[in-house]
N, C-alpha and C. Protein backbone atom coordinates (compact mmCIF):
# COMPACT_ATOMS: atom_id res chain seq x y z
N MET A 1 107.35 -50.59 308.93
CA MET A 1 106.30 -50.02 308.10
C MET A 1 105.01 -50.82 308.34
N ASN A 2 103.91 -50.12 308.39
CA ASN A 2 102.62 -50.78 308.58
C ASN A 2 102.26 -51.59 307.33
N GLU A 3 101.55 -52.65 307.54
CA GLU A 3 101.15 -53.52 306.44
C GLU A 3 99.76 -53.14 305.94
N THR A 4 99.54 -53.40 304.67
CA THR A 4 98.23 -53.20 304.06
C THR A 4 97.45 -54.50 304.21
N GLU A 5 96.22 -54.37 304.66
CA GLU A 5 95.35 -55.52 304.87
C GLU A 5 94.23 -55.49 303.83
N PHE A 6 93.91 -56.65 303.28
CA PHE A 6 92.82 -56.77 302.30
C PHE A 6 91.74 -57.68 302.86
N VAL A 7 90.50 -57.27 302.70
CA VAL A 7 89.36 -58.11 303.04
C VAL A 7 88.63 -58.39 301.73
N ILE A 8 88.74 -59.64 301.27
CA ILE A 8 88.13 -60.07 300.01
C ILE A 8 87.40 -61.37 300.31
N GLU A 9 86.11 -61.25 300.56
CA GLU A 9 85.31 -62.41 300.96
C GLU A 9 84.59 -63.00 299.75
N PRO A 10 84.55 -64.32 299.65
CA PRO A 10 83.90 -64.98 298.51
C PRO A 10 82.43 -64.56 298.39
N GLY A 11 81.99 -64.40 297.14
CA GLY A 11 80.58 -64.13 296.87
C GLY A 11 80.13 -62.72 297.14
N ARG A 12 81.05 -61.83 297.47
CA ARG A 12 80.68 -60.43 297.76
C ARG A 12 81.13 -59.53 296.61
N GLN A 13 80.57 -58.34 296.56
CA GLN A 13 80.89 -57.38 295.51
C GLN A 13 81.90 -56.33 295.94
N ASP A 14 82.49 -56.48 297.13
CA ASP A 14 83.37 -55.44 297.62
C ASP A 14 84.78 -55.95 297.93
N ILE A 15 85.69 -54.99 297.96
CA ILE A 15 87.06 -55.19 298.41
C ILE A 15 87.32 -54.10 299.43
N VAL A 16 87.87 -54.47 300.58
CA VAL A 16 88.21 -53.50 301.61
C VAL A 16 89.72 -53.52 301.80
N VAL A 17 90.32 -52.34 301.78
CA VAL A 17 91.76 -52.18 301.97
C VAL A 17 91.95 -51.33 303.22
N LYS A 18 92.82 -51.82 304.13
CA LYS A 18 93.07 -51.10 305.39
C LYS A 18 94.56 -50.87 305.56
N ARG A 19 94.88 -49.72 306.14
CA ARG A 19 96.29 -49.39 306.37
C ARG A 19 96.35 -48.32 307.45
N VAL A 20 97.36 -48.36 308.29
CA VAL A 20 97.60 -47.30 309.26
C VAL A 20 98.83 -46.53 308.80
N PHE A 21 98.68 -45.21 308.71
CA PHE A 21 99.78 -44.34 308.30
C PHE A 21 100.26 -43.56 309.52
N ASP A 22 101.56 -43.35 309.59
CA ASP A 22 102.17 -42.67 310.72
C ASP A 22 102.14 -41.16 310.49
N ALA A 23 100.92 -40.62 310.44
CA ALA A 23 100.71 -39.18 310.24
C ALA A 23 99.25 -38.88 310.54
N SER A 24 98.95 -37.61 310.69
CA SER A 24 97.58 -37.19 310.98
C SER A 24 96.70 -37.34 309.74
N PRO A 25 95.38 -37.40 309.91
CA PRO A 25 94.48 -37.45 308.75
C PRO A 25 94.67 -36.28 307.79
N ASP A 26 94.98 -35.09 308.31
CA ASP A 26 95.22 -33.94 307.42
C ASP A 26 96.35 -34.22 306.44
N VAL A 27 97.42 -34.80 306.95
CA VAL A 27 98.60 -35.07 306.12
C VAL A 27 98.31 -36.18 305.11
N VAL A 28 97.68 -37.25 305.55
CA VAL A 28 97.36 -38.36 304.64
C VAL A 28 96.38 -37.88 303.57
N PHE A 29 95.37 -37.12 303.98
CA PHE A 29 94.39 -36.59 303.03
C PHE A 29 95.08 -35.69 302.00
N GLN A 30 96.02 -34.86 302.45
CA GLN A 30 96.76 -34.01 301.52
C GLN A 30 97.49 -34.83 300.48
N ALA A 31 98.22 -35.86 300.92
CA ALA A 31 98.95 -36.71 299.98
C ALA A 31 98.00 -37.41 299.03
N PHE A 32 96.85 -37.79 299.53
CA PHE A 32 95.85 -38.54 298.76
C PHE A 32 95.20 -37.68 297.68
N THR A 33 95.16 -36.36 297.89
CA THR A 33 94.37 -35.50 296.99
C THR A 33 95.16 -34.43 296.25
N ASP A 34 96.39 -34.16 296.62
CA ASP A 34 97.17 -33.09 295.99
C ASP A 34 97.69 -33.55 294.63
N PRO A 35 97.26 -32.90 293.54
CA PRO A 35 97.69 -33.33 292.20
C PRO A 35 99.20 -33.33 292.00
N LYS A 36 99.92 -32.54 292.79
CA LYS A 36 101.38 -32.52 292.69
C LYS A 36 102.00 -33.74 293.37
N LEU A 37 101.31 -34.31 294.36
CA LEU A 37 101.84 -35.46 295.09
C LEU A 37 101.37 -36.80 294.53
N ILE A 38 100.20 -36.83 293.93
CA ILE A 38 99.61 -38.08 293.43
C ILE A 38 100.57 -38.86 292.52
N PRO A 39 101.28 -38.22 291.58
CA PRO A 39 102.19 -39.00 290.72
C PRO A 39 103.30 -39.72 291.48
N ASN A 40 103.57 -39.28 292.71
CA ASN A 40 104.63 -39.90 293.49
C ASN A 40 104.22 -41.20 294.17
N TRP A 41 102.92 -41.51 294.15
CA TRP A 41 102.50 -42.73 294.85
C TRP A 41 101.42 -43.53 294.12
N TRP A 42 100.71 -42.96 293.19
CA TRP A 42 99.55 -43.63 292.61
C TRP A 42 100.00 -44.69 291.60
N GLY A 43 99.71 -45.94 291.90
CA GLY A 43 100.05 -47.06 291.02
C GLY A 43 101.40 -47.67 291.35
N PRO A 44 101.66 -48.83 290.76
CA PRO A 44 102.95 -49.51 290.98
C PRO A 44 104.13 -48.68 290.45
N ARG A 45 105.29 -48.92 291.01
CA ARG A 45 106.51 -48.17 290.64
C ARG A 45 106.87 -48.33 289.17
N ARG A 46 106.51 -49.43 288.56
CA ARG A 46 106.92 -49.66 287.17
C ARG A 46 106.22 -48.72 286.19
N TYR A 47 105.23 -47.97 286.68
CA TYR A 47 104.53 -46.99 285.86
C TYR A 47 104.84 -45.58 286.34
N SER A 48 104.86 -44.65 285.39
CA SER A 48 104.82 -43.24 285.79
C SER A 48 103.35 -42.84 285.76
N THR A 49 102.99 -41.87 286.56
CA THR A 49 101.60 -41.43 286.63
C THR A 49 101.50 -39.97 286.23
N VAL A 50 100.54 -39.69 285.37
CA VAL A 50 100.23 -38.33 284.94
C VAL A 50 98.84 -38.01 285.48
N VAL A 51 98.71 -36.88 286.14
CA VAL A 51 97.40 -36.42 286.58
C VAL A 51 96.84 -35.54 285.46
N ASP A 52 95.90 -36.08 284.73
CA ASP A 52 95.26 -35.34 283.63
C ASP A 52 94.21 -34.38 284.18
N ARG A 53 93.51 -34.81 285.22
CA ARG A 53 92.48 -33.99 285.85
C ARG A 53 92.37 -34.39 287.31
N ALA A 54 92.22 -33.41 288.17
CA ALA A 54 92.01 -33.68 289.60
C ALA A 54 91.22 -32.52 290.19
N GLU A 55 89.94 -32.56 289.98
CA GLU A 55 89.02 -31.55 290.52
C GLU A 55 88.49 -32.10 291.83
N VAL A 56 89.29 -31.96 292.88
CA VAL A 56 89.03 -32.63 294.15
C VAL A 56 88.01 -31.83 294.97
N HIS A 57 86.77 -31.99 294.59
CA HIS A 57 85.63 -31.41 295.32
C HIS A 57 84.40 -32.21 294.94
N SER A 58 83.38 -32.15 295.77
CA SER A 58 82.14 -32.89 295.47
C SER A 58 81.63 -32.44 294.11
N GLY A 59 81.42 -33.40 293.21
CA GLY A 59 80.98 -33.12 291.85
C GLY A 59 82.12 -32.96 290.86
N GLY A 60 83.36 -32.95 291.34
CA GLY A 60 84.51 -32.82 290.45
C GLY A 60 84.87 -34.15 289.80
N ALA A 61 85.74 -34.08 288.82
CA ALA A 61 86.16 -35.27 288.08
C ALA A 61 87.66 -35.47 288.24
N TRP A 62 88.07 -36.71 288.03
CA TRP A 62 89.50 -37.03 288.05
C TRP A 62 89.84 -37.96 286.91
N ARG A 63 91.08 -37.88 286.45
CA ARG A 63 91.60 -38.81 285.44
C ARG A 63 93.11 -38.88 285.63
N PHE A 64 93.60 -40.10 285.84
CA PHE A 64 95.03 -40.36 285.98
C PHE A 64 95.43 -41.33 284.89
N ILE A 65 96.67 -41.20 284.43
CA ILE A 65 97.19 -42.08 283.38
C ILE A 65 98.46 -42.74 283.90
N ASN A 66 98.49 -44.06 283.85
CA ASN A 66 99.73 -44.80 284.12
C ASN A 66 100.40 -45.04 282.78
N ARG A 67 101.72 -44.81 282.75
CA ARG A 67 102.49 -45.01 281.52
C ARG A 67 103.62 -45.99 281.82
N ASP A 68 103.74 -47.03 280.97
CA ASP A 68 104.81 -48.00 281.19
C ASP A 68 106.07 -47.58 280.44
N ALA A 69 107.14 -48.35 280.60
CA ALA A 69 108.45 -48.02 280.01
C ALA A 69 108.42 -47.99 278.48
N GLU A 70 107.47 -48.73 277.90
CA GLU A 70 107.36 -48.76 276.43
C GLU A 70 106.50 -47.61 275.89
N GLY A 71 105.95 -46.79 276.78
CA GLY A 71 105.14 -45.65 276.35
C GLY A 71 103.66 -45.94 276.23
N ASN A 72 103.21 -47.11 276.67
CA ASN A 72 101.79 -47.43 276.65
C ASN A 72 101.07 -46.72 277.79
N ASP A 73 99.90 -46.17 277.49
CA ASP A 73 99.11 -45.46 278.49
C ASP A 73 97.92 -46.29 278.94
N TYR A 74 97.61 -46.21 280.24
CA TYR A 74 96.46 -46.89 280.84
C TYR A 74 95.71 -45.84 281.66
N GLY A 75 94.55 -45.45 281.16
CA GLY A 75 93.78 -44.39 281.80
C GLY A 75 92.76 -44.91 282.80
N PHE A 76 92.56 -44.11 283.83
CA PHE A 76 91.58 -44.37 284.88
C PHE A 76 90.87 -43.05 285.16
N HIS A 77 89.58 -43.12 285.42
CA HIS A 77 88.87 -41.87 285.70
C HIS A 77 87.67 -42.12 286.60
N GLY A 78 87.10 -41.01 287.06
CA GLY A 78 85.92 -41.10 287.89
C GLY A 78 85.40 -39.72 288.26
N VAL A 79 84.42 -39.73 289.15
CA VAL A 79 83.79 -38.52 289.63
C VAL A 79 83.83 -38.53 291.15
N TYR A 80 84.15 -37.40 291.74
CA TYR A 80 84.09 -37.26 293.19
C TYR A 80 82.65 -36.97 293.60
N HIS A 81 82.04 -37.90 294.30
CA HIS A 81 80.67 -37.69 294.78
C HIS A 81 80.65 -36.91 296.08
N GLU A 82 81.64 -37.16 296.93
CA GLU A 82 81.74 -36.44 298.19
C GLU A 82 83.20 -36.29 298.56
N VAL A 83 83.59 -35.07 298.91
CA VAL A 83 84.92 -34.81 299.42
C VAL A 83 84.73 -34.04 300.72
N ALA A 84 84.98 -34.71 301.83
CA ALA A 84 84.82 -34.13 303.16
C ALA A 84 86.17 -34.19 303.86
N ALA A 85 87.00 -33.17 303.64
CA ALA A 85 88.35 -33.15 304.17
C ALA A 85 88.33 -33.01 305.69
N PRO A 86 89.19 -33.70 306.39
CA PRO A 86 90.08 -34.77 305.93
C PRO A 86 89.55 -36.16 306.28
N GLN A 87 88.21 -36.32 306.39
CA GLN A 87 87.66 -37.59 306.87
C GLN A 87 87.26 -38.58 305.79
N ARG A 88 86.83 -38.10 304.61
CA ARG A 88 86.16 -39.04 303.71
C ARG A 88 86.16 -38.55 302.27
N ILE A 89 86.29 -39.51 301.35
CA ILE A 89 86.14 -39.26 299.92
C ILE A 89 85.30 -40.40 299.36
N VAL A 90 84.28 -40.05 298.58
CA VAL A 90 83.48 -41.04 297.85
C VAL A 90 83.62 -40.70 296.38
N GLN A 91 84.02 -41.69 295.58
CA GLN A 91 84.27 -41.44 294.16
C GLN A 91 83.99 -42.71 293.35
N THR A 92 83.83 -42.52 292.06
CA THR A 92 83.77 -43.68 291.17
C THR A 92 85.17 -43.94 290.62
N PHE A 93 85.36 -45.18 290.15
CA PHE A 93 86.64 -45.63 289.61
C PHE A 93 86.34 -46.48 288.39
N GLU A 94 86.94 -46.11 287.26
CA GLU A 94 86.75 -46.88 286.04
C GLU A 94 88.07 -46.96 285.27
N PHE A 95 88.49 -48.17 284.94
CA PHE A 95 89.66 -48.39 284.10
C PHE A 95 89.20 -48.25 282.66
N GLU A 96 89.83 -47.36 281.92
CA GLU A 96 89.39 -47.08 280.55
C GLU A 96 89.60 -48.27 279.62
N GLY A 97 90.46 -49.21 280.00
CA GLY A 97 90.67 -50.42 279.20
C GLY A 97 89.51 -51.40 279.31
N MET A 98 88.64 -51.21 280.30
CA MET A 98 87.45 -52.04 280.49
C MET A 98 86.27 -51.12 280.82
N PRO A 99 85.81 -50.37 279.84
CA PRO A 99 84.74 -49.41 280.11
C PRO A 99 83.47 -50.07 280.62
N ARG A 100 82.69 -49.29 281.34
CA ARG A 100 81.39 -49.67 281.88
C ARG A 100 81.50 -50.68 283.03
N HIS A 101 82.68 -50.81 283.59
CA HIS A 101 82.86 -51.61 284.81
C HIS A 101 83.29 -50.63 285.90
N VAL A 102 82.31 -49.98 286.47
CA VAL A 102 82.55 -48.88 287.40
C VAL A 102 82.40 -49.37 288.84
N ALA A 103 83.35 -48.97 289.68
CA ALA A 103 83.27 -49.27 291.10
C ALA A 103 83.00 -47.97 291.85
N LEU A 104 82.30 -48.08 292.97
CA LEU A 104 82.09 -46.94 293.86
C LEU A 104 83.03 -47.13 295.03
N GLU A 105 83.91 -46.15 295.24
CA GLU A 105 84.94 -46.24 296.26
C GLU A 105 84.71 -45.23 297.37
N THR A 106 84.85 -45.69 298.60
CA THR A 106 84.78 -44.81 299.76
C THR A 106 86.09 -44.95 300.52
N ALA A 107 86.76 -43.82 300.74
CA ALA A 107 87.99 -43.79 301.52
C ALA A 107 87.73 -42.99 302.78
N THR A 108 88.07 -43.58 303.93
CA THR A 108 87.93 -42.86 305.19
C THR A 108 89.31 -42.75 305.84
N PHE A 109 89.49 -41.64 306.56
CA PHE A 109 90.74 -41.32 307.23
C PHE A 109 90.40 -40.98 308.68
N GLU A 110 90.70 -41.90 309.59
CA GLU A 110 90.32 -41.75 310.99
C GLU A 110 91.56 -41.64 311.86
N GLU A 111 91.59 -40.63 312.72
CA GLU A 111 92.72 -40.48 313.63
C GLU A 111 92.63 -41.50 314.75
N VAL A 112 93.73 -42.20 314.96
CA VAL A 112 93.84 -43.17 316.04
C VAL A 112 95.24 -43.03 316.64
N ASP A 113 95.29 -42.52 317.87
CA ASP A 113 96.57 -42.37 318.57
C ASP A 113 97.60 -41.58 317.77
N GLY A 114 97.17 -40.48 317.15
CA GLY A 114 98.08 -39.64 316.40
C GLY A 114 98.44 -40.15 315.03
N LYS A 115 97.87 -41.27 314.64
CA LYS A 115 98.11 -41.84 313.31
C LYS A 115 96.79 -41.82 312.54
N THR A 116 96.81 -42.31 311.32
CA THR A 116 95.61 -42.34 310.50
C THR A 116 95.29 -43.75 310.09
N ARG A 117 94.07 -44.18 310.44
CA ARG A 117 93.58 -45.46 309.94
C ARG A 117 92.81 -45.17 308.65
N TYR A 118 93.35 -45.69 307.56
CA TYR A 118 92.72 -45.56 306.24
C TYR A 118 91.92 -46.82 305.98
N VAL A 119 90.68 -46.66 305.53
CA VAL A 119 89.88 -47.79 305.07
C VAL A 119 89.31 -47.41 303.71
N GLY A 120 89.66 -48.19 302.71
CA GLY A 120 89.14 -47.98 301.36
C GLY A 120 88.23 -49.14 301.00
N THR A 121 86.99 -48.81 300.67
CA THR A 121 86.02 -49.84 300.29
C THR A 121 85.61 -49.60 298.85
N SER A 122 85.80 -50.60 298.01
CA SER A 122 85.38 -50.54 296.61
C SER A 122 84.23 -51.51 296.41
N VAL A 123 83.11 -50.99 295.92
CA VAL A 123 81.94 -51.83 295.66
C VAL A 123 81.77 -51.91 294.14
N PHE A 124 81.76 -53.14 293.65
CA PHE A 124 81.68 -53.38 292.21
C PHE A 124 80.24 -53.69 291.81
N GLN A 125 79.95 -53.61 290.53
CA GLN A 125 78.60 -53.82 290.03
C GLN A 125 78.14 -55.26 290.14
N SER A 126 79.10 -56.18 290.24
CA SER A 126 78.75 -57.59 290.36
C SER A 126 79.90 -58.33 291.04
N VAL A 127 79.60 -59.52 291.50
CA VAL A 127 80.65 -60.38 292.06
C VAL A 127 81.68 -60.69 290.98
N GLU A 128 81.21 -60.89 289.75
CA GLU A 128 82.11 -61.21 288.64
C GLU A 128 83.09 -60.06 288.39
N ASP A 129 82.59 -58.81 288.42
CA ASP A 129 83.47 -57.65 288.25
C ASP A 129 84.51 -57.61 289.37
N ARG A 130 84.06 -57.82 290.59
CA ARG A 130 84.97 -57.80 291.73
C ARG A 130 86.02 -58.90 291.59
N ASP A 131 85.59 -60.12 291.24
CA ASP A 131 86.51 -61.22 291.09
C ASP A 131 87.50 -60.97 289.94
N GLY A 132 87.03 -60.33 288.88
CA GLY A 132 87.92 -59.97 287.77
C GLY A 132 89.00 -59.00 288.21
N MET A 133 88.62 -58.05 289.05
CA MET A 133 89.60 -57.09 289.57
C MET A 133 90.64 -57.81 290.43
N VAL A 134 90.19 -58.72 291.28
CA VAL A 134 91.10 -59.47 292.13
C VAL A 134 92.07 -60.28 291.27
N GLN A 135 91.55 -60.94 290.24
CA GLN A 135 92.37 -61.79 289.37
C GLN A 135 93.35 -60.98 288.52
N SER A 136 93.09 -59.67 288.36
CA SER A 136 93.97 -58.82 287.55
C SER A 136 95.29 -58.49 288.25
N GLY A 137 95.40 -58.85 289.52
CA GLY A 137 96.61 -58.54 290.27
C GLY A 137 96.49 -57.27 291.09
N MET A 138 95.26 -56.82 291.32
CA MET A 138 95.06 -55.56 292.03
C MET A 138 95.63 -55.58 293.44
N GLU A 139 95.67 -56.74 294.07
CA GLU A 139 96.17 -56.79 295.44
C GLU A 139 97.65 -56.40 295.49
N GLU A 140 98.44 -56.94 294.60
CA GLU A 140 99.86 -56.60 294.53
C GLU A 140 100.04 -55.12 294.20
N GLY A 141 99.30 -54.63 293.21
CA GLY A 141 99.40 -53.22 292.82
C GLY A 141 98.94 -52.29 293.92
N SER A 142 97.87 -52.64 294.61
CA SER A 142 97.36 -51.81 295.70
C SER A 142 98.32 -51.80 296.88
N ARG A 143 98.91 -52.92 297.16
CA ARG A 143 99.88 -53.00 298.27
C ARG A 143 101.06 -52.07 297.97
N GLU A 144 101.58 -52.14 296.75
CA GLU A 144 102.70 -51.29 296.37
C GLU A 144 102.29 -49.81 296.40
N THR A 145 101.08 -49.51 295.96
CA THR A 145 100.57 -48.15 295.98
C THR A 145 100.49 -47.62 297.42
N MET A 146 99.98 -48.44 298.33
CA MET A 146 99.88 -48.02 299.73
C MET A 146 101.27 -47.83 300.35
N ASP A 147 102.23 -48.68 299.98
CA ASP A 147 103.60 -48.51 300.45
C ASP A 147 104.17 -47.19 299.95
N ARG A 148 103.92 -46.87 298.70
CA ARG A 148 104.41 -45.62 298.12
C ARG A 148 103.73 -44.42 298.77
N LEU A 149 102.43 -44.54 299.07
CA LEU A 149 101.72 -43.46 299.75
C LEU A 149 102.35 -43.23 301.12
N ALA A 150 102.68 -44.29 301.84
CA ALA A 150 103.32 -44.15 303.15
C ALA A 150 104.66 -43.42 303.03
N GLU A 151 105.41 -43.70 301.97
CA GLU A 151 106.69 -43.01 301.73
C GLU A 151 106.47 -41.51 301.52
N VAL A 152 105.45 -41.16 300.75
CA VAL A 152 105.15 -39.74 300.50
C VAL A 152 104.71 -39.07 301.79
N VAL A 153 103.81 -39.73 302.52
CA VAL A 153 103.31 -39.16 303.79
C VAL A 153 104.48 -38.89 304.74
N ALA A 154 105.46 -39.75 304.75
CA ALA A 154 106.61 -39.59 305.66
C ALA A 154 107.43 -38.34 305.33
N THR A 155 107.31 -37.82 304.12
CA THR A 155 108.09 -36.63 303.72
C THR A 155 107.34 -35.34 304.00
N LEU A 156 106.08 -35.41 304.39
CA LEU A 156 105.28 -34.19 304.57
C LEU A 156 105.30 -33.70 306.02
């Protein structure tokens, strides 16, 4: 299985996540955006995911809810600024537990030798916001999420 790579440089406001998936950009993009598939990979395994909204088009909105075993809900939402299938998605990302800390995320899907190179770049409002996200354990959660996405992609 391909490994997820993180680029987290000191003093910067961004996090870059890279991964190669063994499928075409069309397939990876489908898994990334299909509301029926998103619950199968979005977030760590210890949570179930509910897609409350997924208006996957430029100007559309999204909201996903992670639910833990005790029934606690953790909401995330944003707006799709650009959806250019199957090459690129630009959206905002906000954890409802920490409102007004919004990141701008760009996901690109590039074909390389019949596979897809995914690059996700999250730009935070400040270095402090970015560092807070890193300290929250996002690297572990993102790695598990990317592993789960690879599992879903393999079934399509």
